Amino acid sequence: MNAFIDILHQAHEGKWCVQPFCTTCGSMEYRNALAELARQEGNQLVCTLAALDLAELTAYPDWDDALRLALDSIDRADDMDAVLTGWLPQLEGNIRVADLVLFNYVRRGALFAPMSVEVLQQWRDKCGELSKRAGDEH
């Protein structure tokens, strides 16, 4: 199993808060688990996110908020590039993940989101293709 999915499962079972802007607890249990994974040799948070099965991810309640917190903890463009490039082949069947990344990260542009211009363009192109195929170009 994927270590990120293990944390997500633990968060679900333990009823951890995963809200990005929680003013009560700051989602600290979940954030601490992510930070521990990131501290492991080779930044295992990035490695496990890049290898993530998006269909498995979206089976969890609150997957979107949990994913946003995980992606928000990535501050290096090469790390975000590794994650987002790993997900490109899976986007066809995971429109909700594509939408979340497009709206929250790609839309901001390479200057304001930690990713290269190349990966940003790959995501724009892929999301544009998906939109055209779905008949939703707005």
Protein backbone atom coordinates (compact mmCIF):
# COMPACT_ATOMS: atom_id res chain seq x y z
CA MET A 1 0.00 0.00 0.00
CA ASN A 2 1.02 3.61 -0.54
CA ALA A 3 2.30 5.49 2.57
CA PHE A 4 0.18 8.55 1.74
CA ILE A 5 -2.93 6.36 1.51
CA ASP A 6 -1.92 4.84 4.86
CA ILE A 7 -1.92 8.33 6.40
CA LEU A 8 -5.22 9.15 4.73
CA HIS A 9 -6.70 5.93 6.12
CA GLN A 10 -5.34 6.72 9.58
CA ALA A 11 -6.81 10.23 9.36
CA HIS A 12 -10.19 8.82 8.36
CA GLU A 13 -10.20 6.16 11.09
CA GLY A 14 -8.93 8.58 13.74
CA LYS A 15 -11.32 11.32 12.62
CA TRP A 16 -8.42 13.73 12.10
CA CYS A 17 -9.26 17.13 10.73
CA VAL A 18 -7.97 17.64 7.18
CA GLN A 19 -9.54 21.04 6.52
CA PRO A 20 -6.98 23.35 4.87
CA PHE A 21 -8.01 26.45 6.80
CA CYS A 22 -9.15 25.00 10.13
CA THR A 23 -8.92 27.71 12.79
CA THR A 24 -9.67 25.30 15.64
CA CYS A 25 -6.95 22.65 15.34
CA GLY A 26 -4.99 23.66 12.24
CA SER A 27 -5.25 20.03 11.07
CA MET A 28 -2.11 19.44 13.10
CA GLU A 29 -2.33 15.65 13.48
CA TYR A 30 -2.62 15.25 9.74
CA ARG A 31 -0.01 17.92 8.95
CA ASN A 32 2.43 16.33 11.41
CA ALA A 33 1.99 12.93 9.75
CA LEU A 34 2.68 14.51 6.35
CA ALA A 35 5.75 16.31 7.70
CA GLU A 36 7.09 13.05 9.14
CA LEU A 37 6.68 11.36 5.76
CA ALA A 38 8.43 14.29 4.04
CA ARG A 39 11.38 14.02 6.46
CA GLN A 40 12.03 10.41 5.53
CA GLU A 41 14.98 9.85 3.23
CA GLY A 42 14.33 11.10 -0.30
CA ASN A 43 11.20 13.03 0.76
CA GLN A 44 8.84 10.09 0.83
CA LEU A 45 5.84 12.41 0.71
CA VAL A 46 6.76 13.42 -2.83
CA CYS A 47 7.59 9.82 -3.81
CA THR A 48 4.33 8.41 -2.47
CA LEU A 49 2.23 11.20 -3.97
CA ALA A 50 3.87 10.68 -7.38
CA ALA A 51 3.07 6.94 -7.20
CA LEU A 52 -0.49 7.48 -5.98
CA ASP A 53 -3.38 5.58 -7.53
CA LEU A 54 -5.85 8.43 -8.02
CA ALA A 55 -8.87 6.11 -8.06
CA GLU A 56 -7.83 4.76 -4.66
CA LEU A 57 -7.35 8.31 -3.38
CA THR A 58 -10.78 9.52 -4.42
CA ALA A 59 -12.48 6.61 -2.65
CA TYR A 60 -11.81 8.37 0.67
CA PRO A 61 -14.14 11.02 2.08
CA ASP A 62 -12.48 14.45 2.23
CA TRP A 63 -9.77 13.28 -0.18
CA ASP A 64 -9.78 16.69 -1.83
CA ASP A 65 -8.99 18.66 1.34
CA ALA A 66 -6.42 16.08 2.40
CA LEU A 67 -4.74 16.28 -1.01
CA ARG A 68 -4.68 20.08 -0.94
CA LEU A 69 -2.88 20.05 2.41
CA ALA A 70 -0.36 17.55 1.06
CA LEU A 71 0.27 19.52 -2.14
CA ASP A 72 0.45 22.79 -0.20
CA SER A 73 3.33 21.34 1.80
CA ILE A 74 5.44 20.99 -1.37
CA ASP A 75 7.53 24.07 -1.96
CA ARG A 76 10.05 22.94 -4.58
CA ALA A 77 9.14 23.04 -8.26
CA ASP A 78 11.01 19.83 -9.08
CA ASP A 79 9.10 17.99 -6.34
CA MET A 80 5.72 19.27 -7.56
CA ASP A 81 6.75 18.42 -11.13
CA ALA A 82 7.47 14.82 -10.07
CA VAL A 83 4.05 14.49 -8.45
CA LEU A 84 2.04 16.13 -11.21
CA THR A 85 3.90 14.34 -14.01
CA GLY A 86 3.19 11.03 -12.29
CA TRP A 87 -0.53 11.77 -12.33
CA LEU A 88 -0.90 12.88 -15.96
CA PRO A 89 -1.51 9.34 -17.34
CA GLN A 90 -4.32 8.80 -14.79
CA LEU A 91 -6.29 11.99 -15.41
CA GLU A 92 -8.63 10.48 -17.99
CA GLY A 93 -10.56 8.60 -15.32
CA ASN A 94 -10.05 11.12 -12.54
CA ILE A 95 -11.57 14.40 -13.67
CA ARG A 96 -12.16 15.56 -10.08
CA VAL A 97 -8.42 15.37 -9.32
CA ALA A 98 -7.64 17.17 -12.58
CA ASP A 99 -10.11 19.89 -11.65
CA LEU A 100 -8.67 20.32 -8.15
CA VAL A 101 -5.09 20.63 -9.43
CA LEU A 102 -6.08 22.89 -12.32
CA PHE A 103 -8.07 25.27 -10.12
CA ASN A 104 -5.78 25.37 -7.08
CA TYR A 105 -2.32 25.09 -8.62
CA VAL A 106 -2.07 25.31 -12.41
CA ARG A 107 -4.35 28.35 -12.58
CA ARG A 108 -1.93 30.31 -10.38
CA GLY A 109 0.85 29.89 -12.90
CA ALA A 110 4.46 28.83 -12.51
CA LEU A 111 5.44 32.04 -10.70
CA PHE A 112 2.97 31.46 -7.86
CA ALA A 113 2.74 27.68 -7.73
CA PRO A 114 5.81 25.50 -7.30
CA MET A 115 6.02 23.89 -10.74
CA SER A 116 7.93 24.33 -13.95
CA VAL A 117 6.46 26.08 -16.96
CA GLU A 118 6.73 22.78 -18.88
CA VAL A 119 4.60 20.85 -16.39
CA LEU A 120 2.16 23.73 -16.13
CA GLN A 121 1.69 23.62 -19.91
CA GLN A 122 1.33 19.83 -19.93
CA TRP A 123 -1.47 20.12 -17.36
CA ARG A 124 -3.19 22.92 -19.26
CA ASP A 125 -3.05 20.88 -22.46
CA LYS A 126 -4.29 17.68 -20.81
CA CYS A 127 -7.14 19.43 -18.98
CA GLY A 128 -8.12 21.22 -22.19
CA GLU A 129 -8.28 17.87 -24.01
CA LEU A 130 -10.40 16.38 -21.24
CA SER A 131 -12.73 19.36 -21.32
CA LYS A 132 -13.20 19.13 -25.09
CA ARG A 133 -13.90 15.40 -24.92
CA ALA A 134 -16.45 15.95 -22.15
CA GLY A 135 -18.08 18.79 -24.09
CA ASP A 136 -17.41 21.21 -21.23
CA GLU A 137 -15.16 23.94 -22.58
CA HIS A 138 -16.36 26.76 -20.32
